[in-house]
Structures are given as structure tokens and as C-alpha cells.
C-alpha atoms as a PDB file:
ATOM      1  CA  MET A   1      85.941  90.776 100.589  1.00  0.00           C
ATOM      2  CA  GLU A   2      86.804  90.258  97.169  1.00  0.00           C
ATOM      3  CA  ALA A   3      86.327  87.247  95.207  1.00  0.00           C
ATOM      4  CA  ALA A   4      87.241  85.784  91.684  1.00  0.00           C
ATOM      5  CA  ASP A   5      87.004  82.819  89.722  1.00  0.00           C
ATOM      6  CA  LEU A   6      90.642  82.842  88.008  1.00  0.00           C
ATOM      7  CA  ARG A   7      88.902  80.997  85.149  1.00  0.00           C
ATOM      8  CA  GLU A   8      87.973  83.951  83.797  1.00  0.00           C
ATOM      9  CA  PHE A   9      91.506  85.797  83.816  1.00  0.00           C
ATOM     10  CA  ILE A  10      92.914  83.115  81.714  1.00  0.00           C
ATOM     11  CA  GLU A  11      93.056  84.241  77.628  1.00  0.00           C
ATOM     12  CA  PHE A  12      95.782  83.033  75.398  1.00  0.00           C
ATOM     13  CA  GLU A  13      97.518  84.716  72.257  1.00  0.00           C
ATOM     14  CA  GLU A  14      99.217  82.675  69.987  1.00  0.00           C
ATOM     15  CA  ARG A  15     103.264  82.709  70.955  1.00  0.00           C
ATOM     16  CA  ALA A  16     102.468  85.143  73.336  1.00  0.00           C
ATOM     17  CA  VAL A  17     101.990  86.015  77.054  1.00  0.00           C
ATOM     18  CA  VAL A  18      98.788  87.268  78.321  1.00  0.00           C
ATOM     19  CA  ARG A  19      98.838  88.791  81.861  1.00  0.00           C
ATOM     20  CA  ARG A  20      95.604  90.050  83.791  1.00  0.00           C
ATOM     21  CA  THR A  21      95.292  91.330  87.072  1.00  0.00           C
ATOM     22  CA  VAL A  22      93.156  89.641  89.635  1.00  0.00           C
ATOM     23  CA  PHE A  23      93.685  91.371  92.676  1.00  0.00           C
ATOM     24  CA  GLU A  24      95.851  94.460  93.732  1.00  0.00           C
ATOM     25  CA  SER A  25      95.870  96.449  96.982  1.00  0.00           C
ATOM     26  CA  GLU A  26      98.356  98.379  99.257  1.00  0.00           C
ATOM     27  CA  ARG A  27     100.153  95.178  99.871  1.00  0.00           C
ATOM     28  CA  LEU A  28      99.382  92.586  97.410  1.00  0.00           C
ATOM     29  CA  TRP A  29      99.284  91.802  94.162  1.00  0.00           C
ATOM     30  CA  THR A  30      98.115  88.937  91.918  1.00  0.00           C
ATOM     31  CA  GLN A  31      97.975  88.156  88.680  1.00  0.00           C
ATOM     32  CA  VAL A  32      97.079  85.238  86.042  1.00  0.00           C
ATOM     33  CA  LEU A  33      99.761  84.785  83.526  1.00  0.00           C
ATOM     34  CA  SER A  34      98.630  82.656  80.537  1.00  0.00           C
ATOM     35  CA  LEU A  35     101.432  81.415  78.274  1.00  0.00           C
ATOM     36  CA  ASP A  36     100.821  80.321  74.948  1.00  0.00           C
ATOM     37  CA  VAL A  37     103.387  77.227  73.637  1.00  0.00           C
ATOM     38  CA  ASN A  38     106.400  78.416  73.199  1.00  0.00           C
ATOM     39  CA  ALA A  39     106.206  81.812  74.955  1.00  0.00           C
ATOM     40  CA  ARG A  40     108.409  83.275  77.430  1.00  0.00           C
ATOM     41  CA  TYR A  41     107.951  85.709  80.563  1.00  0.00           C
ATOM     42  CA  GLY A  42     110.901  87.823  81.496  1.00  0.00           C
ATOM     43  CA  PRO A  43     113.314  88.616  82.271  1.00  0.00           C
ATOM     44  CA  VAL A  44     111.718  90.421  85.348  1.00  0.00           C
ATOM     45  CA  SER A  45     112.573  91.341  88.448  1.00  0.00           C
ATOM     46  CA  ASP A  46     111.491  93.618  91.550  1.00  0.00           C
ATOM     47  CA  PRO A  47     113.887  94.977  94.332  1.00  0.00           C
ATOM     48  CA  GLU A  48     111.405  95.108  97.118  1.00  0.00           C
ATOM     49  CA  SER A  49     108.951  92.700  96.146  1.00  0.00           C
ATOM     50  CA  ASP A  50     108.894  88.882  96.964  1.00  0.00           C
ATOM     51  CA  ALA A  51     106.530  86.616  94.786  1.00  0.00           C
ATOM     52  CA  VAL A  52     104.992  83.084  94.950  1.00  0.00           C
ATOM     53  CA  LEU A  53     104.373  81.219  91.549  1.00  0.00           C
ATOM     54  CA  THR A  54     101.835  78.478  91.183  1.00  0.00           C
ATOM     55  CA  VAL A  55     101.403  76.447  88.102  1.00  0.00           C
ATOM     56  CA  VAL A  56      97.608  76.168  87.566  1.00  0.00           C
ATOM     57  CA  ALA A  57      97.668  74.250  84.414  1.00  0.00           C
ATOM     58  CA  GLY A  58     100.724  72.705  81.969  1.00  0.00           C
ATOM     59  CA  GLU A  59     104.126  72.739  83.079  1.00  0.00           C
ATOM     60  CA  ALA A  60     106.923  75.585  83.579  1.00  0.00           C
ATOM     61  CA  ALA A  61     110.650  75.893  83.417  1.00  0.00           C
ATOM     62  CA  LEU A  62     111.468  78.727  85.665  1.00  0.00           C
ATOM     63  CA  GLN A  63     114.639  80.005  85.900  1.00  0.00           C
ATOM     64  CA  VAL A  64     115.439  82.269  89.160  1.00  0.00           C
ATOM     65  CA  ASP A  65     118.854  83.871  88.868  1.00  0.00           C
ATOM     66  CA  LYS A  66     121.205  81.177  88.198  1.00  0.00           C
ATOM     67  CA  GLY A  67     118.755  78.567  89.481  1.00  0.00           C
ATOM     68  CA  ARG A  68     116.404  76.278  87.186  1.00  0.00           C
ATOM     69  CA  LYS A  69     113.297  74.226  87.785  1.00  0.00           C
ATOM     70  CA  ARG A  70     110.590  72.605  86.533  1.00  0.00           C
ATOM     71  CA  LEU A  71     107.268  72.447  87.736  1.00  0.00           C
ATOM     72  CA  LYS A  72     104.074  70.465  86.959  1.00  0.00           C
ATOM     73  CA  GLN A  73     100.615  71.556  87.731  1.00  0.00           C
ATOM     74  CA  TRP A  74     100.360  72.658  91.480  1.00  0.00           C
ATOM     75  CA  GLY A  75     103.919  73.127  91.952  1.00  0.00           C
ATOM     76  CA  SER A  76     105.120  76.355  93.805  1.00  0.00           C
ATOM     77  CA  ALA A  77     108.197  78.600  94.082  1.00  0.00           C
ATOM     78  CA  LEU A  78     109.613  81.298  96.009  1.00  0.00           C
ATOM     79  CA  VAL A  79     111.418  84.150  93.796  1.00  0.00           C
ATOM     80  CA  PRO A  80     112.857  86.470  96.445  1.00  0.00           C
ATOM     81  CA  ALA A  81     113.094  90.126  95.923  1.00  0.00           C
ATOM     82  CA  GLY A  82     115.900  91.529  93.445  1.00  0.00           C
ATOM     83  CA  ALA A  83     115.923  87.935  91.999  1.00  0.00           C
ATOM     84  CA  GLN A  84     115.470  87.596  88.140  1.00  0.00           C
ATOM     85  CA  LEU A  85     112.839  85.569  86.771  1.00  0.00           C
ATOM     86  CA  VAL A  86     112.105  83.975  83.451  1.00  0.00           C
ATOM     87  CA  ILE A  87     109.103  81.766  82.953  1.00  0.00           C
ATOM     88  CA  SER A  88     108.783  79.482  79.699  1.00  0.00           C
ATOM     89  CA  ASN A  89     106.150  77.101  78.658  1.00  0.00           C
ATOM     90  CA  ALA A  90     108.101  73.620  78.925  1.00  0.00           C
ATOM     91  CA  SER A  91     105.181  71.600  76.990  1.00  0.00           C
ATOM     92  CA  SER A  92     103.275  71.538  74.094  1.00  0.00           C
ATOM     93  CA  ASP A  93     100.028  72.773  75.953  1.00  0.00           C
ATOM     94  CA  PRO A  94      99.182  76.000  77.072  1.00  0.00           C
ATOM     95  CA  LEU A  95     100.511  77.248  80.738  1.00  0.00           C
ATOM     96  CA  VAL A  96      98.821  79.005  83.151  1.00  0.00           C
ATOM     97  CA  VAL A  97     100.616  80.259  86.564  1.00  0.00           C
ATOM     98  CA  LEU A  98      99.025  82.162  89.413  1.00  0.00           C
ATOM     99  CA  LEU A  99     101.737  85.185  90.546  1.00  0.00           C
ATOM    100  CA  VAL A 100     101.146  86.834  94.209  1.00  0.00           C
ATOM    101  CA  ALA A 101     103.738  89.461  94.878  1.00  0.00           C
ATOM    102  CA  ALA A 102     104.045  91.692  98.116  1.00  0.00           C
ATOM    103  CA  PRO A 103     104.229  94.053  98.497  1.00  0.00           C
ATOM    104  CA  PRO A 104     102.939  95.254  94.869  1.00  0.00           C
ATOM    105  CA  PRO A 105     105.491  95.804  92.486  1.00  0.00           C
ATOM    106  CA  VAL A 106     106.334  99.653  91.605  1.00  0.00           C
ATOM    107  CA  PRO A 107     106.381 100.750  87.786  1.00  0.00           C
ATOM    108  CA  ARG A 108     109.699 101.925  87.106  1.00  0.00           C
ATOM    109  CA  PRO A 109     111.057 103.604  84.044  1.00  0.00           C
ATOM    110  CA  LEU A 110     112.375 101.646  81.239  1.00  0.00           C
ATOM    111  CA  SER A 111     116.423 101.939  81.300  1.00  0.00           C
ATOM    112  CA  GLY A 112     117.925 102.021  78.011  1.00  0.00           C
END
């Protein structure tokens, strides 16, 4: 068994997103996303991985394809495989999100 204290993965950079991988296996991938004030993550998408987002601290504005939702601390959302995701910090405080995806996203070459 592996165990982790998620507080050790929280790190902020001014107006940026810091992504730190907590666990990764052949079937599951977990990251902590730390978003400073006015920071945004995405758009991102993976055609084969479902993801669950949980707000650990702060307030998030999520956009999943054309749907929009605000989540406060402990709010959670499912992002189906293939959907485009954007996470924005929706408050004047830092935002921390736990992201769990299965299967782990596969790195792909950037298009363009």
C-alpha cells in the first residue's frame, strides 16, 4: 500500500497552475492541482480516461464541454472520457483540486 499526505503536494506560483502527481499506476492516476488567484487549467481532454475532480480548498468554476458548474470545497464532478475540461479559480483565495483519472491519460504529441 502507498499512502500520502495531500498537503505535501500543494504548491502555488503567482497566477499559475502547479500540477503534482500523487499516485500513478497502470490503471489509475491522481494529481493535485494548485491554482493561484486568476489561474486557469485547460482546456484539456483525453479520449479514453474518465476523471473525477474534487475541490479540496477554494471555489472552482468548471466547464465540461458546454456545461458550466461552480463547485465549493468538497464539491465533486465527473468528467467523461473525451469531454473538454477547463478549471478556473472562482474566488480571491487559492484553489486546490484533487484530480483522479482512470485509466491514466496517455501522453500524446501536441498538434499544430
